[in-house]
Amino acid sequence: MLSAKSLFQEILDDDASFALFCSIAASGESQGGWENGRIAALVPESERDLAPKIARHGADEDKHGRIFKALMRKRGLEPVPVPPETDYTMLLERHGIGLAHDKLKADETLTVHDLVTYLSHSRVTEQRASEQMELLRRCFADHPDIGRAVRMISSDEDNHLAYCHEELLRLARAGHGRAIQRTLRECALAEIRVYRDVSLAVMDHMGRLLGWPRAKSALLAAGIHAVYAYERFAGWRRMVSLRMPERRDALGGPATAAEFA
């Protein structure tokens, strides 16, 4: 029977597919760490209290990148090149979602509108990350090799999502509500397209590495398209709602160390 757990188990059991999976994940997390680090350095004076939280977010992402690299090292594997069509972070930027890297590479102070863009982008992508890690946690929380890493990263992603909710609600109360809702909707609709395309590309690469029969690949592709159809119709709305999280001030302290690295 084809299930999420059996699919991930198959990827986990093969060195080539595991190296590709971890390399894609490590690349995206490291890129997120850089982006958050630059944003923290460019926060306007009126929002300086937000800078340590953004820096903590970036430190967590860097930690996740190191964890995925450490998981490869434990198996004697080296990172492999990330195919461009599987680069979720790069493709989001190419679609105009989030703050452009050219802006982040400059030394010009960001505006509050830029922070609305950043937090809206993060709220959408952290929803996806939180859901993906929750799935992995359900499947592999007790796995002897990756269980601890999955639990740690999943908890961090939940913290990131809580922080985005709380800060966006604060900015909405300050008068930015309409801009936030507009930006969230634009981000969500773009993200679900990118996620579909990246998912199809990743499954195509995995299928070739693992020698999947054509019928299995076609079934997985149909499932990805079905998820996109649901998200395009209604599912995207879960990415744009805002509610005060149970975890308050989730990024108020320093990043936790990663023994994996």
C-alpha atoms as a PDB file:
ATOM      1  CA  MET A   1       0.000   0.000   0.000  1.00  0.00           C
ATOM      2  CA  LEU A   2       1.344   3.430  -0.953  1.00  0.00           C
ATOM      3  CA  SER A   3       1.378   5.741   2.062  1.00  0.00           C
ATOM      4  CA  ALA A   4       3.351   8.789   3.172  1.00  0.00           C
ATOM      5  CA  LYS A   5       5.299   6.660   5.642  1.00  0.00           C
ATOM      6  CA  SER A   6       6.158   3.957   3.118  1.00  0.00           C
ATOM      7  CA  LEU A   7       7.204   6.586   0.591  1.00  0.00           C
ATOM      8  CA  PHE A   8       9.488   8.394   3.037  1.00  0.00           C
ATOM      9  CA  GLN A   9      10.826   5.066   4.304  1.00  0.00           C
ATOM     10  CA  GLU A  10      11.818   4.140   0.776  1.00  0.00           C
ATOM     11  CA  ILE A  11      13.640   7.450   0.345  1.00  0.00           C
ATOM     12  CA  LEU A  12      15.285   7.060   3.761  1.00  0.00           C
ATOM     13  CA  ASP A  13      16.528   3.525   3.082  1.00  0.00           C
ATOM     14  CA  ASP A  14      18.408   4.384  -0.136  1.00  0.00           C
ATOM     15  CA  ASP A  15      21.664   6.357   0.136  1.00  0.00           C
ATOM     16  CA  ALA A  16      21.239   8.262  -3.132  1.00  0.00           C
ATOM     17  CA  SER A  17      17.664   9.366  -2.471  1.00  0.00           C
ATOM     18  CA  PHE A  18      18.436  10.180   1.180  1.00  0.00           C
ATOM     19  CA  ALA A  19      21.396  12.342   0.128  1.00  0.00           C
ATOM     20  CA  LEU A  20      19.215  14.213  -2.378  1.00  0.00           C
ATOM     21  CA  PHE A  21      16.425  14.712   0.162  1.00  0.00           C
ATOM     22  CA  CYS A  22      18.811  16.034   2.834  1.00  0.00           C
ATOM     23  CA  SER A  23      20.714  18.190   0.344  1.00  0.00           C
ATOM     24  CA  ILE A  24      17.514  19.873  -0.856  1.00  0.00           C
ATOM     25  CA  ALA A  25      16.390  20.427   2.739  1.00  0.00           C
ATOM     26  CA  ALA A  26      19.788  21.704   3.911  1.00  0.00           C
ATOM     27  CA  SER A  27      20.043  24.131   1.001  1.00  0.00           C
ATOM     28  CA  GLY A  28      16.616  25.620   1.667  1.00  0.00           C
ATOM     29  CA  GLU A  29      17.226  25.944   5.399  1.00  0.00           C
ATOM     30  CA  SER A  30      20.633  27.567   4.906  1.00  0.00           C
ATOM     31  CA  GLN A  31      19.137  30.039   2.440  1.00  0.00           C
ATOM     32  CA  GLY A  32      16.413  30.855   4.939  1.00  0.00           C
ATOM     33  CA  GLY A  33      19.060  31.425   7.585  1.00  0.00           C
ATOM     34  CA  TRP A  34      20.875  33.922   5.393  1.00  0.00           C
ATOM     35  CA  GLU A  35      17.672  35.764   4.483  1.00  0.00           C
ATOM     36  CA  ASN A  36      16.560  36.118   8.092  1.00  0.00           C
ATOM     37  CA  GLY A  37      20.025  37.223   9.158  1.00  0.00           C
ATOM     38  CA  ARG A  38      20.046  40.009   6.586  1.00  0.00           C
ATOM     39  CA  ILE A  39      16.509  41.106   7.484  1.00  0.00           C
ATOM     40  CA  ALA A  40      17.440  41.254  11.175  1.00  0.00           C
ATOM     41  CA  ALA A  41      20.372  43.519  10.310  1.00  0.00           C
ATOM     42  CA  LEU A  42      18.179  45.883   8.260  1.00  0.00           C
ATOM     43  CA  VAL A  43      15.157  46.253  10.565  1.00  0.00           C
ATOM     44  CA  PRO A  44      14.046  49.913  10.898  1.00  0.00           C
ATOM     45  CA  GLU A  45      14.596  51.674  14.219  1.00  0.00           C
ATOM     46  CA  SER A  46      10.849  51.729  14.935  1.00  0.00           C
ATOM     47  CA  GLU A  47      10.809  47.903  14.923  1.00  0.00           C
ATOM     48  CA  ARG A  48      14.131  47.143  16.620  1.00  0.00           C
ATOM     49  CA  ASP A  49      12.408  44.898  19.181  1.00  0.00           C
ATOM     50  CA  LEU A  50      11.658  42.542  16.291  1.00  0.00           C
ATOM     51  CA  ALA A  51      15.303  42.170  15.235  1.00  0.00           C
ATOM     52  CA  PRO A  52      16.325  39.574  17.890  1.00  0.00           C
ATOM     53  CA  LYS A  53      13.346  37.399  16.975  1.00  0.00           C
ATOM     54  CA  ILE A  54      14.204  37.530  13.273  1.00  0.00           C
ATOM     55  CA  ALA A  55      17.814  36.726  14.136  1.00  0.00           C
ATOM     56  CA  ARG A  56      16.621  33.759  16.237  1.00  0.00           C
ATOM     57  CA  HIS A  57      14.526  32.585  13.281  1.00  0.00           C
ATOM     58  CA  GLY A  58      17.617  32.737  11.066  1.00  0.00           C
ATOM     59  CA  ALA A  59      19.741  30.917  13.641  1.00  0.00           C
ATOM     60  CA  ASP A  60      17.143  28.132  13.796  1.00  0.00           C
ATOM     61  CA  GLU A  61      17.187  27.784  10.004  1.00  0.00           C
ATOM     62  CA  ASP A  62      20.996  27.622   9.996  1.00  0.00           C
ATOM     63  CA  LYS A  63      20.786  24.950  12.699  1.00  0.00           C
ATOM     64  CA  HIS A  64      18.374  22.910  10.589  1.00  0.00           C
ATOM     65  CA  GLY A  65      20.738  23.095   7.634  1.00  0.00           C
ATOM     66  CA  ARG A  66      23.563  21.758   9.826  1.00  0.00           C
ATOM     67  CA  ILE A  67      21.326  18.983  11.131  1.00  0.00           C
ATOM     68  CA  PHE A  68      20.504  17.723   7.631  1.00  0.00           C
ATOM     69  CA  LYS A  69      24.203  17.801   6.726  1.00  0.00           C
ATOM     70  CA  ALA A  70      25.029  15.940   9.949  1.00  0.00           C
ATOM     71  CA  LEU A  71      22.467  13.239   9.101  1.00  0.00           C
ATOM     72  CA  MET A  72      24.271  12.705   5.812  1.00  0.00           C
ATOM     73  CA  ARG A  73      27.679  12.560   7.509  1.00  0.00           C
ATOM     74  CA  LYS A  74      26.405   9.909   9.931  1.00  0.00           C
ATOM     75  CA  ARG A  75      25.801   7.679   6.903  1.00  0.00           C
ATOM     76  CA  GLY A  76      29.069   8.594   5.220  1.00  0.00           C
ATOM     77  CA  LEU A  77      27.304  10.603   2.541  1.00  0.00           C
ATOM     78  CA  GLU A  78      28.263  13.890   0.932  1.00  0.00           C
ATOM     79  CA  PRO A  79      25.807  16.628  -0.120  1.00  0.00           C
ATOM     80  CA  VAL A  80      24.766  16.450  -3.770  1.00  0.00           C
ATOM     81  CA  PRO A  81      23.915  19.315  -6.157  1.00  0.00           C
ATOM     82  CA  VAL A  82      20.361  20.585  -5.757  1.00  0.00           C
ATOM     83  CA  PRO A  83      18.484  20.527  -9.091  1.00  0.00           C
ATOM     84  CA  PRO A  84      17.194  24.062  -9.801  1.00  0.00           C
ATOM     85  CA  GLU A  85      13.648  22.835 -10.345  1.00  0.00           C
ATOM     86  CA  THR A  86      13.601  21.489  -6.757  1.00  0.00           C
ATOM     87  CA  ASP A  87      14.866  24.730  -5.173  1.00  0.00           C
ATOM     88  CA  TYR A  88      11.717  25.918  -3.349  1.00  0.00           C
ATOM     89  CA  THR A  89      13.310  29.067  -1.913  1.00  0.00           C
ATOM     90  CA  MET A  90      14.790  30.220  -5.201  1.00  0.00           C
ATOM     91  CA  LEU A  91      11.563  29.596  -7.089  1.00  0.00           C
ATOM     92  CA  LEU A  92       9.534  31.566  -4.560  1.00  0.00           C
ATOM     93  CA  GLU A  93      11.860  34.529  -5.006  1.00  0.00           C
ATOM     94  CA  ARG A  94      11.633  34.178  -8.782  1.00  0.00           C
ATOM     95  CA  HIS A  95       7.855  34.451  -8.449  1.00  0.00           C
ATOM     96  CA  GLY A  96       8.248  37.707  -6.512  1.00  0.00           C
ATOM     97  CA  ILE A  97       7.326  36.254  -3.125  1.00  0.00           C
ATOM     98  CA  GLY A  98       9.094  37.687  -0.104  1.00  0.00           C
ATOM     99  CA  LEU A  99      11.881  40.257  -0.117  1.00  0.00           C
ATOM    100  CA  ALA A 100      14.160  40.206  -3.172  1.00  0.00           C
ATOM    101  CA  HIS A 101      17.746  39.166  -2.557  1.00  0.00           C
ATOM    102  CA  ASP A 102      18.975  42.355  -4.243  1.00  0.00           C
ATOM    103  CA  LYS A 103      17.222  44.319  -1.501  1.00  0.00           C
ATOM    104  CA  LEU A 104      18.698  42.127   1.215  1.00  0.00           C
ATOM    105  CA  LYS A 105      22.223  42.422  -0.186  1.00  0.00           C
ATOM    106  CA  ALA A 106      22.035  46.223  -0.018  1.00  0.00           C
ATOM    107  CA  ASP A 107      22.623  48.141   3.208  1.00  0.00           C
ATOM    108  CA  GLU A 108      19.465  50.224   3.004  1.00  0.00           C
ATOM    109  CA  THR A 109      17.184  50.035   6.035  1.00  0.00           C
ATOM    110  CA  LEU A 110      13.937  48.171   5.441  1.00  0.00           C
ATOM    111  CA  THR A 111      10.512  49.755   5.853  1.00  0.00           C
ATOM    112  CA  VAL A 112       7.564  48.542   7.907  1.00  0.00           C
ATOM    113  CA  HIS A 113       5.940  47.573   4.591  1.00  0.00           C
ATOM    114  CA  ASP A 114       8.978  45.374   3.894  1.00  0.00           C
ATOM    115  CA  LEU A 115       8.453  43.698   7.264  1.00  0.00           C
ATOM    116  CA  VAL A 116       4.802  43.079   6.401  1.00  0.00           C
ATOM    117  CA  THR A 117       5.999  41.407   3.192  1.00  0.00           C
ATOM    118  CA  TYR A 118       8.595  39.351   5.054  1.00  0.00           C
ATOM    119  CA  LEU A 119       6.252  38.209   7.831  1.00  0.00           C
ATOM    120  CA  SER A 120       3.417  37.399   5.411  1.00  0.00           C
ATOM    121  CA  HIS A 121       5.784  35.329   3.273  1.00  0.00           C
ATOM    122  CA  SER A 122       7.081  33.583   6.395  1.00  0.00           C
ATOM    123  CA  ARG A 123       3.569  32.918   7.746  1.00  0.00           C
ATOM    124  CA  VAL A 124       2.692  31.083   4.507  1.00  0.00           C
ATOM    125  CA  THR A 125       5.932  29.115   4.120  1.00  0.00           C
ATOM    126  CA  GLU A 126       6.117  28.251   7.821  1.00  0.00           C
ATOM    127  CA  GLN A 127       2.594  26.825   7.584  1.00  0.00           C
ATOM    128  CA  ARG A 128       3.914  24.462   4.929  1.00  0.00           C
ATOM    129  CA  ALA A 129       7.056  23.657   6.907  1.00  0.00           C
ATOM    130  CA  SER A 130       5.114  23.023  10.100  1.00  0.00           C
ATOM    131  CA  GLU A 131       2.715  20.661   8.325  1.00  0.00           C
ATOM    132  CA  GLN A 132       5.495  18.767   6.565  1.00  0.00           C
ATOM    133  CA  MET A 133       7.488  18.299   9.757  1.00  0.00           C
ATOM    134  CA  GLU A 134       4.365  17.236  11.655  1.00  0.00           C
ATOM    135  CA  LEU A 135       3.874  14.533   9.024  1.00  0.00           C
ATOM    136  CA  LEU A 136       7.465  13.374   9.434  1.00  0.00           C
ATOM    137  CA  ARG A 137       7.086  13.475  13.213  1.00  0.00           C
ATOM    138  CA  ARG A 138       4.008  11.243  13.043  1.00  0.00           C
ATOM    139  CA  CYS A 139       5.897   8.774  10.858  1.00  0.00           C
ATOM    140  CA  PHE A 140       9.396   8.849  12.346  1.00  0.00           C
ATOM    141  CA  ALA A 141       9.391  10.456  15.810  1.00  0.00           C
ATOM    142  CA  ASP A 142      10.799   7.230  17.294  1.00  0.00           C
ATOM    143  CA  HIS A 143      13.160   6.380  14.431  1.00  0.00           C
ATOM    144  CA  PRO A 144      16.638   5.579  15.843  1.00  0.00           C
ATOM    145  CA  ASP A 145      18.509   7.604  13.201  1.00  0.00           C
ATOM    146  CA  ILE A 146      16.349  10.614  12.378  1.00  0.00           C
ATOM    147  CA  GLY A 147      13.703  10.715  15.119  1.00  0.00           C
ATOM    148  CA  ARG A 148      15.417  13.250  17.363  1.00  0.00           C
ATOM    149  CA  ALA A 149      16.223  15.550  14.453  1.00  0.00           C
ATOM    150  CA  VAL A 150      12.628  15.383  13.213  1.00  0.00           C
ATOM    151  CA  ARG A 151      11.238  16.224  16.661  1.00  0.00           C
ATOM    152  CA  MET A 152      13.609  19.172  17.119  1.00  0.00           C
ATOM    153  CA  ILE A 153      13.003  20.695  13.698  1.00  0.00           C
ATOM    154  CA  SER A 154       9.236  20.175  13.976  1.00  0.00           C
ATOM    155  CA  SER A 155       9.137  22.034  17.299  1.00  0.00           C
ATOM    156  CA  ASP A 156      11.160  24.891  15.816  1.00  0.00           C
ATOM    157  CA  GLU A 157       8.848  25.182  12.806  1.00  0.00           C
ATOM    158  CA  ASP A 158       5.839  25.369  15.133  1.00  0.00           C
ATOM    159  CA  ASN A 159       7.595  28.180  17.001  1.00  0.00           C
ATOM    160  CA  HIS A 160       8.275  30.032  13.752  1.00  0.00           C
ATOM    161  CA  LEU A 161       4.639  29.778  12.723  1.00  0.00           C
ATOM    162  CA  ALA A 162       3.440  31.005  16.137  1.00  0.00           C
ATOM    163  CA  TYR A 163       5.815  33.972  15.947  1.00  0.00           C
ATOM    164  CA  CYS A 164       4.508  34.951  12.499  1.00  0.00           C
ATOM    165  CA  HIS A 165       0.903  34.887  13.726  1.00  0.00           C
ATOM    166  CA  GLU A 166       1.697  36.991  16.772  1.00  0.00           C
ATOM    167  CA  GLU A 167       3.752  39.631  14.945  1.00  0.00           C
ATOM    168  CA  LEU A 168       1.314  39.967  12.056  1.00  0.00           C
ATOM    169  CA  LEU A 169      -1.552  40.456  14.500  1.00  0.00           C
ATOM    170  CA  ARG A 170       0.484  43.153  16.230  1.00  0.00           C
ATOM    171  CA  LEU A 171       1.075  44.936  12.928  1.00  0.00           C
ATOM    172  CA  ALA A 172      -2.599  44.535  11.995  1.00  0.00           C
ATOM    173  CA  ARG A 173      -3.557  46.323  15.218  1.00  0.00           C
ATOM    174  CA  ALA A 174      -1.114  49.077  14.226  1.00  0.00           C
ATOM    175  CA  GLY A 175      -3.113  49.731  11.048  1.00  0.00           C
ATOM    176  CA  HIS A 176      -1.562  47.372   8.484  1.00  0.00           C
ATOM    177  CA  GLY A 177      -4.419  44.855   8.370  1.00  0.00           C
ATOM    178  CA  ARG A 178      -5.468  45.348   4.752  1.00  0.00           C
ATOM    179  CA  ALA A 179      -1.898  45.211   3.474  1.00  0.00           C
ATOM    180  CA  ILE A 180      -1.292  42.044   5.484  1.00  0.00           C
ATOM    181  CA  GLN A 181      -4.374  40.258   4.141  1.00  0.00           C
ATOM    182  CA  ARG A 182      -3.592  41.266   0.563  1.00  0.00           C
ATOM    183  CA  THR A 183       0.019  40.122   0.851  1.00  0.00           C
ATOM    184  CA  LEU A 184      -0.922  36.869   2.567  1.00  0.00           C
ATOM    185  CA  ARG A 185      -3.330  35.983  -0.234  1.00  0.00           C
ATOM    186  CA  GLU A 186      -0.762  36.758  -2.949  1.00  0.00           C
ATOM    187  CA  CYS A 187       1.876  34.700  -1.138  1.00  0.00           C
ATOM    188  CA  ALA A 188      -0.427  31.738  -0.523  1.00  0.00           C
ATOM    189  CA  LEU A 189      -1.625  31.467  -4.120  1.00  0.00           C
ATOM    190  CA  ALA A 190       1.929  31.684  -5.437  1.00  0.00           C
ATOM    191  CA  GLU A 191       3.270  29.248  -2.832  1.00  0.00           C
ATOM    192  CA  ILE A 192       0.822  26.478  -3.658  1.00  0.00           C
ATOM    193  CA  ARG A 193       1.876  26.639  -7.331  1.00  0.00           C
ATOM    194  CA  VAL A 194       5.563  26.543  -6.450  1.00  0.00           C
ATOM    195  CA  TYR A 195       4.994  23.723  -3.970  1.00  0.00           C
ATOM    196  CA  ARG A 196       3.185  21.692  -6.642  1.00  0.00           C
ATOM    197  CA  ASP A 197       5.973  22.231  -9.164  1.00  0.00           C
ATOM    198  CA  VAL A 198       8.730  21.449  -6.669  1.00  0.00           C
ATOM    199  CA  SER A 199       6.892  18.349  -5.430  1.00  0.00           C
ATOM    200  CA  LEU A 200       6.554  17.048  -8.981  1.00  0.00           C
ATOM    201  CA  ALA A 201      10.239  17.715  -9.652  1.00  0.00           C
ATOM    202  CA  VAL A 202      11.388  16.055  -6.414  1.00  0.00           C
ATOM    203  CA  MET A 203       9.239  12.971  -7.045  1.00  0.00           C
ATOM    204  CA  ASP A 204      10.564  12.760 -10.608  1.00  0.00           C
ATOM    205  CA  HIS A 205      14.157  12.732  -9.354  1.00  0.00           C
ATOM    206  CA  MET A 206      13.348  10.260  -6.585  1.00  0.00           C
ATOM    207  CA  GLY A 207      11.541   7.999  -9.022  1.00  0.00           C
ATOM    208  CA  ARG A 208      14.581   7.811 -11.282  1.00  0.00           C
ATOM    209  CA  LEU A 209      16.947   7.179  -8.372  1.00  0.00           C
ATOM    210  CA  LEU A 210      14.727   4.472  -6.892  1.00  0.00           C
ATOM    211  CA  GLY A 211      13.598   2.906 -10.174  1.00  0.00           C
ATOM    212  CA  TRP A 212       9.906   3.453  -9.612  1.00  0.00           C
ATOM    213  CA  PRO A 213       7.615   1.927 -12.232  1.00  0.00           C
ATOM    214  CA  ARG A 214       5.757   4.354 -14.460  1.00  0.00           C
ATOM    215  CA  ALA A 215       2.427   3.546 -12.806  1.00  0.00           C
ATOM    216  CA  LYS A 216       3.743   4.460  -9.350  1.00  0.00           C
ATOM    217  CA  SER A 217       5.195   7.736 -10.582  1.00  0.00           C
ATOM    218  CA  ALA A 218       1.945   8.566 -12.357  1.00  0.00           C
ATOM    219  CA  LEU A 219      -0.061   7.826  -9.199  1.00  0.00           C
ATOM    220  CA  LEU A 220       2.157  10.105  -7.101  1.00  0.00           C
ATOM    221  CA  ALA A 221       1.956  12.879  -9.709  1.00  0.00           C
ATOM    222  CA  ALA A 222      -1.840  12.571  -9.748  1.00  0.00           C
ATOM    223  CA  GLY A 223      -1.867  12.877  -5.965  1.00  0.00           C
ATOM    224  CA  ILE A 224       0.255  16.053  -6.110  1.00  0.00           C
ATOM    225  CA  HIS A 225      -2.079  17.573  -8.694  1.00  0.00           C
ATOM    226  CA  ALA A 226      -5.085  16.623  -6.542  1.00  0.00           C
ATOM    227  CA  VAL A 227      -3.568  18.383  -3.520  1.00  0.00           C
ATOM    228  CA  TYR A 228      -2.957  21.470  -5.652  1.00  0.00           C
ATOM    229  CA  ALA A 229      -6.550  21.432  -6.930  1.00  0.00           C
ATOM    230  CA  TYR A 230      -7.846  21.314  -3.343  1.00  0.00           C
ATOM    231  CA  GLU A 231      -5.480  24.060  -2.217  1.00  0.00           C
ATOM    232  CA  ARG A 232      -6.336  26.252  -5.191  1.00  0.00           C
ATOM    233  CA  PHE A 233     -10.052  25.855  -4.492  1.00  0.00           C
ATOM    234  CA  ALA A 234     -10.087  26.306  -0.719  1.00  0.00           C
ATOM    235  CA  GLY A 235      -7.047  24.914   1.087  1.00  0.00           C
ATOM    236  CA  TRP A 236      -4.995  28.087   0.647  1.00  0.00           C
ATOM    237  CA  ARG A 237      -7.258  29.840   3.137  1.00  0.00           C
ATOM    238  CA  ARG A 238      -5.589  28.040   6.063  1.00  0.00           C
ATOM    239  CA  MET A 239      -2.418  29.926   5.114  1.00  0.00           C
ATOM    240  CA  VAL A 240      -3.930  33.398   5.393  1.00  0.00           C
ATOM    241  CA  SER A 241      -5.935  33.209   8.619  1.00  0.00           C
ATOM    242  CA  LEU A 242      -4.437  34.811  11.721  1.00  0.00           C
ATOM    243  CA  ARG A 243      -5.072  33.839  15.334  1.00  0.00           C
ATOM    244  CA  MET A 244      -3.211  34.458  18.553  1.00  0.00           C
ATOM    245  CA  PRO A 245      -1.055  31.358  19.111  1.00  0.00           C
ATOM    246  CA  GLU A 246      -0.860  29.315  22.291  1.00  0.00           C
ATOM    247  CA  ARG A 247       2.926  29.705  22.124  1.00  0.00           C
ATOM    248  CA  ARG A 248       3.440  33.381  22.967  1.00  0.00           C
ATOM    249  CA  ASP A 249       6.797  35.062  22.335  1.00  0.00           C
ATOM    250  CA  ALA A 250       7.941  31.795  20.742  1.00  0.00           C
ATOM    251  CA  LEU A 251      11.202  33.303  19.479  1.00  0.00           C
ATOM    252  CA  GLY A 252      11.909  35.437  22.515  1.00  0.00           C
ATOM    253  CA  GLY A 253      15.045  33.533  23.549  1.00  0.00           C
ATOM    254  CA  PRO A 254      18.269  32.281  21.986  1.00  0.00           C
ATOM    255  CA  ALA A 255      18.305  29.421  19.499  1.00  0.00           C
ATOM    256  CA  THR A 256      18.804  25.993  21.014  1.00  0.00           C
ATOM    257  CA  ALA A 257      22.059  24.245  20.200  1.00  0.00           C
ATOM    258  CA  ALA A 258      22.105  21.313  17.819  1.00  0.00           C
ATOM    259  CA  GLU A 259      24.203  18.389  19.011  1.00  0.00           C
ATOM    260  CA  PHE A 260      23.910  16.834  15.562  1.00  0.00           C
ATOM    261  CA  ALA A 261      26.254  19.499  14.175  1.00  0.00           C
END
